[in-house]
Amino acid sequence: MTLLKYFRYVAILEGISYLLFGLTMPLKYGYDIAEPNYYVGMAHGMLFLLYCGMGLVCAIQYKWKLGFSVLVFLASLVPFGTFYLDAKYLKAKDAYGKG
């Protein structure tokens, strides 16, 4: 399995954790149920750091252009951004083996 495929999996997991984090915020502040937010927030934080680190490693190994590397980082800050990035760019790069 290639580094890019691992990065794609991490991107999807990071996107899911971001959406789950958005769902647990109302539980914490609206209903005073903090536990789900704590665990999902911790998982999201760890996946975000892993996503950024793997994105940097992929950018160096596959010699991504600076603009694309910035796009990869910005995708993690927007809801559904990692899903869009994977579907539009990463899947094609992985299919053609170009990284």
Protein backbone atom coordinates (compact mmCIF):
# COMPACT_ATOMS: atom_id res chain seq x y z
CA MET A 1 0.00 0.00 0.00
CA THR A 2 1.39 3.38 -0.97
CA LEU A 3 1.90 6.42 1.20
CA LEU A 4 -0.71 8.25 -0.85
CA LYS A 5 -3.32 5.58 -0.16
CA TYR A 6 -2.61 5.85 3.59
CA PHE A 7 -2.93 9.61 3.29
CA ARG A 8 -6.28 9.22 1.52
CA TYR A 9 -7.55 7.04 4.40
CA VAL A 10 -6.35 9.54 6.97
CA ALA A 11 -8.03 12.36 4.99
CA ILE A 12 -11.37 10.54 5.06
CA LEU A 13 -11.06 9.75 8.77
CA GLU A 14 -10.11 13.35 9.53
CA GLY A 15 -13.14 14.57 7.60
CA ILE A 16 -15.44 12.19 9.48
CA SER A 17 -14.00 13.26 12.82
CA TYR A 18 -14.49 16.92 11.87
CA LEU A 19 -18.16 16.31 11.12
CA LEU A 20 -18.62 14.30 14.32
CA PHE A 21 -16.94 17.09 16.27
CA GLY A 22 -19.50 19.49 14.79
CA LEU A 23 -22.28 17.20 15.99
CA THR A 24 -20.95 16.89 19.53
CA MET A 25 -20.56 20.65 20.05
CA PRO A 26 -24.32 21.20 20.48
CA LEU A 27 -24.39 18.32 22.95
CA LYS A 28 -21.72 20.01 25.02
CA TYR A 29 -23.05 23.56 24.97
CA GLY A 30 -26.77 22.99 24.43
CA TYR A 31 -27.42 19.98 26.62
CA ASP A 32 -24.40 20.05 28.97
CA ILE A 33 -23.20 16.61 27.83
CA ALA A 34 -19.44 17.05 27.54
CA GLU A 35 -18.13 13.48 27.30
CA PRO A 36 -18.76 12.82 23.58
CA ASN A 37 -17.19 16.15 22.70
CA TYR A 38 -14.10 15.34 24.73
CA TYR A 39 -13.42 12.00 23.04
CA VAL A 40 -14.36 13.07 19.53
CA GLY A 41 -12.37 16.28 19.97
CA MET A 42 -9.30 14.35 21.08
CA ALA A 43 -9.60 11.94 18.14
CA HIS A 44 -10.14 14.83 15.74
CA GLY A 45 -7.07 16.65 17.07
CA MET A 46 -4.87 13.59 16.67
CA LEU A 47 -6.19 12.89 13.18
CA PHE A 48 -5.70 16.54 12.21
CA LEU A 49 -2.06 16.42 13.27
CA LEU A 50 -1.58 13.12 11.46
CA TYR A 51 -3.24 14.58 8.35
CA CYS A 52 -0.99 17.65 8.37
CA GLY A 53 2.13 15.57 8.99
CA MET A 54 1.33 13.05 6.29
CA GLY A 55 0.38 15.87 3.94
CA LEU A 56 3.81 17.40 4.45
CA VAL A 57 5.54 14.05 3.91
CA CYS A 58 3.50 13.42 0.73
CA ALA A 59 4.25 16.93 -0.54
CA ILE A 60 7.98 16.31 -0.13
CA GLN A 61 8.03 12.73 -1.43
CA TYR A 62 5.75 13.32 -4.42
CA LYS A 63 7.12 16.82 -5.10
CA TRP A 64 3.72 18.50 -5.00
CA LYS A 65 3.61 22.13 -6.06
CA LEU A 66 3.29 24.70 -3.30
CA GLY A 67 -0.22 25.70 -4.41
CA PHE A 68 -1.48 22.13 -4.22
CA SER A 69 0.19 21.61 -0.85
CA VAL A 70 -1.59 24.70 0.48
CA LEU A 71 -4.87 23.38 -0.94
CA VAL A 72 -4.31 20.09 0.89
CA PHE A 73 -3.85 21.96 4.17
CA LEU A 74 -6.82 24.29 3.59
CA ALA A 75 -9.07 21.33 2.83
CA SER A 76 -8.68 20.19 6.43
CA LEU A 77 -10.09 23.49 7.70
CA VAL A 78 -13.35 23.38 5.71
CA PRO A 79 -16.18 20.95 6.45
CA PHE A 80 -16.32 18.30 3.70
CA GLY A 81 -13.00 19.69 2.39
CA THR A 82 -11.06 16.47 2.77
CA PHE A 83 -13.82 14.53 1.02
CA TYR A 84 -13.71 16.95 -1.91
CA LEU A 85 -9.91 16.83 -2.02
CA ASP A 86 -9.93 13.04 -2.08
CA ALA A 87 -12.61 12.75 -4.75
CA LYS A 88 -11.28 15.51 -7.01
CA TYR A 89 -7.50 15.17 -6.71
CA LEU A 90 -6.11 12.40 -4.52
CA LYS A 91 -8.08 9.53 -6.07
CA ALA A 92 -6.85 10.48 -9.53
CA LYS A 93 -3.25 10.84 -8.35
CA ASP A 94 -3.45 7.45 -6.64
CA ALA A 95 -5.05 5.76 -9.66
CA TYR A 96 -2.32 6.96 -12.01
CA GLY A 97 0.45 6.34 -9.50
CA LYS A 98 1.71 9.91 -9.81
CA GLY A 99 1.38 10.88 -6.19
